[in-house]
Amino acid sequence: MSESNDPVFQIQRVYLKEASLEQPNSPAILLEQESPSVDIQLGVNAGQIADGVFEVTVTATVQTKIQDKTVFLAELTQAGIFEIRNLPAEQMSPIMGIACPQIVYPYLRGNVADLIQRGGFPPVHLSEINFQAMYEQQQQQQAADAPRIVTQ
């Protein structure tokens, strides 16, 4: 059987890699009447795990506070395993930074809302993310942070 040189992009698996919910100030904080502030942080990582096989993770950290006390802290990492072969090198970074996270993120959104609701709180619904804009912003930041070689 001969190897094909056609481009390959396949989802092998999407899975919840890690999830935690902490309520360090319960039960006293649950009696507070003040509305908490909500801070949401997202991150994307990608790496090769075998020849032509890559893992892409999207991580969400959701922290709610009343004044300086944490109501809850939820940290979740959703991952996807992708088979990607026979693509030009310049296409790999955008696929890992845009296409793969777009596939994984809806699962993360559902798991964040579910975990927080199961913890006894109203669900937090993460907003839609434009991964292309996020990727382009990261590329611009990396270019700005890159050391410059000055020749005289």
N, C-alpha and C. Protein backbone atom coordinates (compact mmCIF):
# COMPACT_ATOMS: atom_id res chain seq x y z
N MET A 1 0.84 -1.17 0.00
CA MET A 1 0.00 0.00 0.00
C MET A 1 0.89 1.24 0.00
N SER A 2 0.62 2.17 -0.88
CA SER A 2 1.47 3.35 -0.97
C SER A 2 0.93 4.47 -0.09
N GLU A 3 1.85 5.26 0.43
CA GLU A 3 1.49 6.39 1.27
C GLU A 3 0.95 7.52 0.39
N SER A 4 -0.13 8.11 0.77
CA SER A 4 -0.68 9.24 0.04
C SER A 4 -0.05 10.52 0.58
N ASN A 5 0.15 11.47 -0.28
CA ASN A 5 0.67 12.77 0.14
C ASN A 5 -0.43 13.80 0.26
N ASP A 6 -1.69 13.35 0.26
CA ASP A 6 -2.81 14.26 0.43
C ASP A 6 -2.80 14.81 1.85
N PRO A 7 -3.21 16.07 2.01
CA PRO A 7 -3.29 16.63 3.36
C PRO A 7 -4.29 15.85 4.21
N VAL A 8 -3.95 15.68 5.49
CA VAL A 8 -4.82 14.97 6.44
C VAL A 8 -5.06 15.88 7.64
N PHE A 9 -6.33 16.03 8.00
CA PHE A 9 -6.70 16.72 9.24
C PHE A 9 -7.88 15.96 9.82
N GLN A 10 -7.62 15.23 10.89
CA GLN A 10 -8.68 14.42 11.51
C GLN A 10 -8.67 14.62 13.02
N ILE A 11 -9.87 14.67 13.57
CA ILE A 11 -10.02 14.71 15.02
C ILE A 11 -9.95 13.27 15.51
N GLN A 12 -9.00 12.97 16.36
CA GLN A 12 -8.90 11.63 16.92
C GLN A 12 -9.75 11.51 18.18
N ARG A 13 -9.73 12.57 19.02
CA ARG A 13 -10.47 12.51 20.27
C ARG A 13 -10.52 13.91 20.88
N VAL A 14 -11.64 14.22 21.54
CA VAL A 14 -11.77 15.43 22.34
C VAL A 14 -12.12 14.96 23.74
N TYR A 15 -11.39 15.46 24.74
CA TYR A 15 -11.61 14.96 26.09
C TYR A 15 -11.33 16.04 27.14
N LEU A 16 -11.94 15.86 28.30
CA LEU A 16 -11.70 16.75 29.44
C LEU A 16 -10.44 16.25 30.13
N LYS A 17 -9.38 17.04 30.05
CA LYS A 17 -8.09 16.61 30.57
C LYS A 17 -7.97 16.87 32.07
N GLU A 18 -8.53 17.98 32.53
CA GLU A 18 -8.41 18.33 33.94
C GLU A 18 -9.56 19.25 34.32
N ALA A 19 -10.08 19.05 35.54
CA ALA A 19 -11.14 19.92 36.04
C ALA A 19 -11.03 20.01 37.55
N SER A 20 -11.14 21.22 38.07
CA SER A 20 -11.18 21.39 39.53
C SER A 20 -12.08 22.56 39.87
N LEU A 21 -12.73 22.43 41.01
CA LEU A 21 -13.59 23.49 41.54
C LEU A 21 -13.28 23.61 43.02
N GLU A 22 -12.85 24.78 43.42
CA GLU A 22 -12.52 25.03 44.82
C GLU A 22 -13.45 26.09 45.38
N GLN A 23 -13.89 25.89 46.61
CA GLN A 23 -14.70 26.85 47.33
C GLN A 23 -14.04 27.09 48.69
N PRO A 24 -12.91 27.80 48.72
CA PRO A 24 -12.11 27.89 49.94
C PRO A 24 -12.79 28.61 51.10
N ASN A 25 -13.77 29.44 50.84
CA ASN A 25 -14.41 30.21 51.92
C ASN A 25 -15.84 29.77 52.20
N SER A 26 -16.19 28.57 51.73
CA SER A 26 -17.53 28.04 52.01
C SER A 26 -17.54 27.46 53.41
N PRO A 27 -18.63 27.48 54.10
CA PRO A 27 -19.95 27.95 53.68
C PRO A 27 -20.21 29.43 53.96
N ALA A 28 -19.37 30.10 54.75
CA ALA A 28 -19.65 31.48 55.17
C ALA A 28 -19.86 32.42 53.98
N ILE A 29 -19.03 32.29 52.95
CA ILE A 29 -19.11 33.19 51.80
C ILE A 29 -20.44 33.04 51.06
N LEU A 30 -21.06 31.87 51.18
CA LEU A 30 -22.33 31.63 50.48
C LEU A 30 -23.49 32.41 51.09
N LEU A 31 -23.30 32.92 52.29
CA LEU A 31 -24.34 33.71 52.96
C LEU A 31 -24.25 35.19 52.61
N GLU A 32 -23.20 35.59 51.92
CA GLU A 32 -23.01 36.99 51.53
C GLU A 32 -24.10 37.40 50.53
N GLN A 33 -24.56 38.62 50.64
CA GLN A 33 -25.60 39.13 49.74
C GLN A 33 -25.01 39.89 48.55
N GLU A 34 -23.77 40.30 48.66
CA GLU A 34 -23.12 41.07 47.61
C GLU A 34 -22.87 40.20 46.38
N SER A 35 -22.99 40.81 45.21
CA SER A 35 -22.71 40.08 43.96
C SER A 35 -21.20 39.96 43.78
N PRO A 36 -20.75 38.77 43.38
CA PRO A 36 -19.31 38.60 43.20
C PRO A 36 -18.81 39.17 41.88
N SER A 37 -17.53 39.49 41.85
CA SER A 37 -16.88 39.85 40.59
C SER A 37 -16.41 38.56 39.94
N VAL A 38 -16.36 38.53 38.62
CA VAL A 38 -15.97 37.33 37.89
C VAL A 38 -14.78 37.66 37.01
N ASP A 39 -13.73 36.85 37.11
CA ASP A 39 -12.54 36.99 36.28
C ASP A 39 -12.35 35.70 35.50
N ILE A 40 -12.24 35.82 34.17
CA ILE A 40 -12.09 34.65 33.31
C ILE A 40 -10.79 34.79 32.51
N GLN A 41 -9.96 33.76 32.58
CA GLN A 41 -8.72 33.72 31.82
C GLN A 41 -8.74 32.49 30.91
N LEU A 42 -8.30 32.66 29.67
CA LEU A 42 -8.23 31.54 28.72
C LEU A 42 -6.80 31.39 28.21
N GLY A 43 -6.45 30.14 27.91
CA GLY A 43 -5.14 29.87 27.33
C GLY A 43 -5.22 28.74 26.34
N VAL A 44 -4.31 28.75 25.36
CA VAL A 44 -4.25 27.70 24.34
C VAL A 44 -2.81 27.19 24.29
N ASN A 45 -2.67 25.87 24.29
CA ASN A 45 -1.35 25.24 24.13
C ASN A 45 -1.46 24.13 23.09
N ALA A 46 -0.36 23.88 22.41
CA ALA A 46 -0.33 22.81 21.41
C ALA A 46 1.04 22.16 21.43
N GLY A 47 1.04 20.86 21.17
CA GLY A 47 2.30 20.15 21.10
C GLY A 47 2.16 18.84 20.34
N GLN A 48 3.26 18.39 19.81
CA GLN A 48 3.28 17.13 19.07
C GLN A 48 3.45 15.98 20.06
N ILE A 49 2.61 14.94 19.92
CA ILE A 49 2.70 13.80 20.82
C ILE A 49 3.18 12.54 20.11
N ALA A 50 3.14 12.53 18.80
CA ALA A 50 3.66 11.43 17.98
C ALA A 50 3.82 11.98 16.57
N ASP A 51 4.36 11.19 15.68
CA ASP A 51 4.54 11.63 14.30
C ASP A 51 3.18 11.92 13.67
N GLY A 52 2.94 13.19 13.35
CA GLY A 52 1.69 13.58 12.72
C GLY A 52 0.50 13.65 13.65
N VAL A 53 0.73 13.53 14.95
CA VAL A 53 -0.35 13.56 15.94
C VAL A 53 -0.05 14.65 16.97
N PHE A 54 -1.04 15.50 17.20
CA PHE A 54 -0.84 16.67 18.04
C PHE A 54 -1.96 16.77 19.08
N GLU A 55 -1.60 17.31 20.25
CA GLU A 55 -2.59 17.60 21.28
C GLU A 55 -2.71 19.12 21.39
N VAL A 56 -3.93 19.60 21.36
CA VAL A 56 -4.21 21.02 21.55
C VAL A 56 -5.11 21.14 22.76
N THR A 57 -4.72 22.01 23.70
CA THR A 57 -5.53 22.21 24.91
C THR A 57 -6.00 23.65 24.99
N VAL A 58 -7.21 23.81 25.50
CA VAL A 58 -7.75 25.13 25.80
C VAL A 58 -8.09 25.10 27.29
N THR A 59 -7.53 26.05 28.03
CA THR A 59 -7.70 26.10 29.47
C THR A 59 -8.51 27.33 29.85
N ALA A 60 -9.44 27.15 30.78
CA ALA A 60 -10.22 28.26 31.32
C ALA A 60 -10.05 28.29 32.83
N THR A 61 -9.82 29.48 33.35
CA THR A 61 -9.78 29.70 34.79
C THR A 61 -10.85 30.74 35.09
N VAL A 62 -11.81 30.36 35.91
CA VAL A 62 -12.91 31.25 36.29
C VAL A 62 -12.84 31.45 37.79
N GLN A 63 -12.62 32.70 38.20
CA GLN A 63 -12.55 33.00 39.63
C GLN A 63 -13.58 34.07 39.96
N THR A 64 -14.38 33.79 40.99
CA THR A 64 -15.32 34.78 41.47
C THR A 64 -14.91 35.18 42.88
N LYS A 65 -15.06 36.48 43.16
CA LYS A 65 -14.67 37.01 44.47
C LYS A 65 -15.72 37.98 44.96
N ILE A 66 -15.86 38.02 46.26
CA ILE A 66 -16.60 39.08 46.93
C ILE A 66 -15.56 39.80 47.76
N GLN A 67 -15.34 41.07 47.41
CA GLN A 67 -14.23 41.86 47.94
C GLN A 67 -12.93 41.09 47.67
N ASP A 68 -12.20 40.68 48.69
CA ASP A 68 -10.94 39.98 48.44
C ASP A 68 -11.03 38.49 48.74
N LYS A 69 -12.25 37.98 48.98
CA LYS A 69 -12.42 36.56 49.30
C LYS A 69 -12.97 35.80 48.10
N THR A 70 -12.34 34.66 47.82
CA THR A 70 -12.77 33.83 46.69
C THR A 70 -14.06 33.10 47.04
N VAL A 71 -15.05 33.22 46.13
CA VAL A 71 -16.28 32.45 46.26
C VAL A 71 -16.01 31.06 45.68
N PHE A 72 -15.54 31.03 44.42
CA PHE A 72 -15.10 29.76 43.85
C PHE A 72 -14.04 30.02 42.79
N LEU A 73 -13.25 28.99 42.57
CA LEU A 73 -12.23 28.99 41.54
C LEU A 73 -12.39 27.71 40.74
N ALA A 74 -12.68 27.85 39.46
CA ALA A 74 -12.83 26.69 38.57
C ALA A 74 -11.71 26.74 37.54
N GLU A 75 -11.02 25.61 37.39
CA GLU A 75 -9.96 25.49 36.39
C GLU A 75 -10.22 24.24 35.58
N LEU A 76 -10.36 24.41 34.28
CA LEU A 76 -10.63 23.27 33.39
C LEU A 76 -9.72 23.32 32.18
N THR A 77 -9.28 22.15 31.76
CA THR A 77 -8.49 22.02 30.54
C THR A 77 -9.17 20.99 29.65
N GLN A 78 -9.58 21.46 28.49
CA GLN A 78 -10.20 20.60 27.48
C GLN A 78 -9.15 20.34 26.41
N ALA A 79 -9.03 19.11 25.97
CA ALA A 79 -7.98 18.77 25.01
C ALA A 79 -8.56 18.08 23.79
N GLY A 80 -7.82 18.16 22.73
CA GLY A 80 -8.15 17.44 21.51
C GLY A 80 -6.90 16.82 20.94
N ILE A 81 -7.04 15.63 20.40
CA ILE A 81 -5.94 14.97 19.71
C ILE A 81 -6.29 15.00 18.22
N PHE A 82 -5.36 15.51 17.44
CA PHE A 82 -5.58 15.71 16.02
C PHE A 82 -4.48 15.04 15.21
N GLU A 83 -4.88 14.37 14.14
CA GLU A 83 -3.90 13.86 13.19
C GLU A 83 -3.79 14.89 12.07
N ILE A 84 -2.59 15.39 11.89
CA ILE A 84 -2.34 16.43 10.89
C ILE A 84 -1.09 16.03 10.12
N ARG A 85 -1.26 15.78 8.84
CA ARG A 85 -0.14 15.33 8.00
C ARG A 85 -0.16 16.03 6.64
N ASN A 86 1.02 16.10 6.07
CA ASN A 86 1.21 16.58 4.70
C ASN A 86 0.70 18.00 4.47
N LEU A 87 0.88 18.84 5.47
CA LEU A 87 0.53 20.24 5.32
C LEU A 87 1.81 21.06 5.27
N PRO A 88 1.82 22.15 4.52
CA PRO A 88 3.00 23.01 4.51
C PRO A 88 3.28 23.55 5.91
N ALA A 89 4.55 23.68 6.25
CA ALA A 89 4.96 24.11 7.59
C ALA A 89 4.31 25.44 7.99
N GLU A 90 4.16 26.36 7.04
CA GLU A 90 3.59 27.67 7.39
C GLU A 90 2.10 27.59 7.75
N GLN A 91 1.44 26.48 7.41
CA GLN A 91 0.02 26.32 7.77
C GLN A 91 -0.17 25.67 9.14
N MET A 92 0.87 25.04 9.65
CA MET A 92 0.72 24.30 10.91
C MET A 92 0.39 25.22 12.10
N SER A 93 1.10 26.32 12.23
CA SER A 93 0.87 27.20 13.37
C SER A 93 -0.56 27.76 13.40
N PRO A 94 -1.09 28.27 12.27
CA PRO A 94 -2.48 28.74 12.30
C PRO A 94 -3.49 27.62 12.58
N ILE A 95 -3.23 26.42 12.09
CA ILE A 95 -4.16 25.31 12.36
C ILE A 95 -4.16 24.98 13.85
N MET A 96 -2.96 24.95 14.45
CA MET A 96 -2.85 24.64 15.88
C MET A 96 -3.39 25.77 16.75
N GLY A 97 -3.28 27.00 16.27
CA GLY A 97 -3.69 28.15 17.08
C GLY A 97 -5.10 28.65 16.80
N ILE A 98 -5.70 28.22 15.69
CA ILE A 98 -7.04 28.72 15.33
C ILE A 98 -8.02 27.57 15.14
N ALA A 99 -7.76 26.70 14.17
CA ALA A 99 -8.72 25.66 13.80
C ALA A 99 -8.95 24.66 14.95
N CYS A 100 -7.88 24.15 15.53
CA CYS A 100 -8.04 23.14 16.59
C CYS A 100 -8.72 23.72 17.84
N PRO A 101 -8.30 24.90 18.33
CA PRO A 101 -9.02 25.45 19.49
C PRO A 101 -10.50 25.72 19.21
N GLN A 102 -10.85 26.08 17.97
CA GLN A 102 -12.25 26.30 17.64
C GLN A 102 -13.06 25.02 17.76
N ILE A 103 -12.44 23.89 17.54
CA ILE A 103 -13.12 22.60 17.67
C ILE A 103 -13.25 22.22 19.14
N VAL A 104 -12.22 22.46 19.93
CA VAL A 104 -12.18 22.04 21.35
C VAL A 104 -13.02 22.96 22.24
N TYR A 105 -13.04 24.26 21.94
CA TYR A 105 -13.64 25.25 22.83
C TYR A 105 -15.12 25.02 23.17
N PRO A 106 -15.98 24.64 22.25
CA PRO A 106 -17.38 24.42 22.64
C PRO A 106 -17.54 23.36 23.74
N TYR A 107 -16.70 22.35 23.72
CA TYR A 107 -16.74 21.33 24.79
C TYR A 107 -16.33 21.95 26.12
N LEU A 108 -15.31 22.80 26.09
CA LEU A 108 -14.86 23.48 27.30
C LEU A 108 -15.97 24.37 27.86
N ARG A 109 -16.63 25.11 26.99
CA ARG A 109 -17.72 26.01 27.44
C ARG A 109 -18.79 25.22 28.19
N GLY A 110 -19.19 24.09 27.62
CA GLY A 110 -20.22 23.26 28.26
C GLY A 110 -19.75 22.70 29.59
N ASN A 111 -18.50 22.24 29.65
CA ASN A 111 -17.98 21.68 30.89
C ASN A 111 -17.82 22.72 31.98
N VAL A 112 -17.42 23.94 31.62
CA VAL A 112 -17.30 25.02 32.62
C VAL A 112 -18.67 25.31 33.23
N ALA A 113 -19.67 25.51 32.39
CA ALA A 113 -21.02 25.81 32.89
C ALA A 113 -21.54 24.67 33.76
N ASP A 114 -21.33 23.43 33.33
CA ASP A 114 -21.82 22.27 34.07
C ASP A 114 -21.13 22.13 35.43
N LEU A 115 -19.80 22.23 35.44
CA LEU A 115 -19.07 22.07 36.70
C LEU A 115 -19.48 23.13 37.72
N ILE A 116 -19.58 24.36 37.28
CA ILE A 116 -19.93 25.46 38.19
C ILE A 116 -21.35 25.27 38.70
N GLN A 117 -22.26 24.88 37.83
CA GLN A 117 -23.65 24.65 38.25
C GLN A 117 -23.74 23.48 39.23
N ARG A 118 -22.99 22.42 38.97
CA ARG A 118 -22.99 21.27 39.89
C ARG A 118 -22.37 21.62 41.24
N GLY A 119 -21.56 22.68 41.25
CA GLY A 119 -20.98 23.16 42.51
C GLY A 119 -21.94 24.01 43.32
N GLY A 120 -23.15 24.22 42.78
CA GLY A 120 -24.17 24.96 43.52
C GLY A 120 -24.28 26.42 43.16
N PHE A 121 -23.70 26.81 42.05
CA PHE A 121 -23.72 28.21 41.62
C PHE A 121 -24.45 28.34 40.29
N PRO A 122 -24.90 29.55 39.97
CA PRO A 122 -25.45 29.76 38.62
C PRO A 122 -24.34 29.49 37.61
N PRO A 123 -24.66 28.86 36.49
CA PRO A 123 -23.60 28.54 35.52
C PRO A 123 -22.97 29.81 34.95
N VAL A 124 -21.68 29.72 34.68
CA VAL A 124 -20.97 30.79 34.00
C VAL A 124 -20.84 30.35 32.55
N HIS A 125 -21.41 31.15 31.66
CA HIS A 125 -21.36 30.83 30.23
C HIS A 125 -20.25 31.64 29.58
N LEU A 126 -19.22 30.96 29.15
CA LEU A 126 -18.12 31.63 28.47
C LEU A 126 -18.61 32.16 27.13
N SER A 127 -18.15 33.34 26.77
CA SER A 127 -18.57 33.92 25.50
C SER A 127 -17.82 33.26 24.35
N GLU A 128 -18.34 33.47 23.15
CA GLU A 128 -17.66 32.97 21.96
C GLU A 128 -16.30 33.67 21.85
N ILE A 129 -15.34 32.94 21.31
CA ILE A 129 -13.99 33.48 21.16
C ILE A 129 -13.62 33.49 19.68
N ASN A 130 -13.02 34.58 19.25
CA ASN A 130 -12.48 34.66 17.90
C ASN A 130 -11.02 34.21 17.99
N PHE A 131 -10.78 32.92 17.76
CA PHE A 131 -9.43 32.39 17.90
C PHE A 131 -8.47 32.95 16.86
N GLN A 132 -8.99 33.38 15.71
CA GLN A 132 -8.11 33.98 14.71
C GLN A 132 -7.56 35.30 15.23
N ALA A 133 -8.43 36.14 15.81
CA ALA A 133 -7.97 37.41 16.37
C ALA A 133 -7.01 37.17 17.54
N MET A 134 -7.32 36.19 18.37
CA MET A 134 -6.46 35.86 19.50
C MET A 134 -5.08 35.40 19.01
N TYR A 135 -5.07 34.55 17.99
CA TYR A 135 -3.82 34.04 17.41
C TYR A 135 -3.00 35.20 16.82
N GLU A 136 -3.65 36.06 16.06
CA GLU A 136 -2.95 37.17 15.44
C GLU A 136 -2.37 38.11 16.48
N GLN A 137 -3.11 38.32 17.57
CA GLN A 137 -2.61 39.17 18.65
C GLN A 137 -1.37 38.54 19.29
N GLN A 138 -1.39 37.22 19.51
CA GLN A 138 -0.24 36.54 20.07
C GLN A 138 0.96 36.63 19.13
N GLN A 139 0.73 36.49 17.83
CA GLN A 139 1.82 36.58 16.86
C GLN A 139 2.43 37.98 16.87
N GLN A 140 1.60 39.02 16.96
CA GLN A 140 2.09 40.39 17.02
C GLN A 140 2.89 40.63 18.30
N GLN A 141 2.40 40.07 19.42
CA GLN A 141 3.09 40.22 20.69
C GLN A 141 4.45 39.53 20.65
N GLN A 142 4.49 38.32 20.07
CA GLN A 142 5.76 37.60 19.96
C GLN A 142 6.74 38.36 19.08
N ALA A 143 6.26 38.96 18.00
CA ALA A 143 7.13 39.73 17.12
C ALA A 143 7.66 40.97 17.84
N ALA A 144 6.82 41.58 18.65
CA ALA A 144 7.25 42.77 19.39
C ALA A 144 8.24 42.41 20.49
N ASP A 145 8.10 41.22 21.07
CA ASP A 145 8.99 40.78 22.15
C ASP A 145 10.29 40.17 21.65
N ALA A 146 10.35 39.85 20.37
CA ALA A 146 11.54 39.19 19.81
C ALA A 146 12.74 40.13 19.89
N PRO A 147 13.90 39.57 20.27
CA PRO A 147 15.09 40.43 20.32
C PRO A 147 15.45 40.92 18.92
N ARG A 148 15.85 42.14 18.85
CA ARG A 148 16.19 42.72 17.57
C ARG A 148 17.70 42.72 17.41
N ILE A 149 18.13 42.36 16.23
CA ILE A 149 19.56 42.38 15.93
C ILE A 149 19.84 43.68 15.20
N VAL A 150 20.71 44.46 15.77
CA VAL A 150 21.05 45.75 15.18
C VAL A 150 22.42 45.61 14.53
N THR A 151 22.47 45.95 13.26
CA THR A 151 23.76 45.92 12.58
C THR A 151 24.19 47.35 12.29
N GLN A 152 25.49 47.57 12.36
CA GLN A 152 26.00 48.92 12.10
C GLN A 152 26.96 48.89 10.96
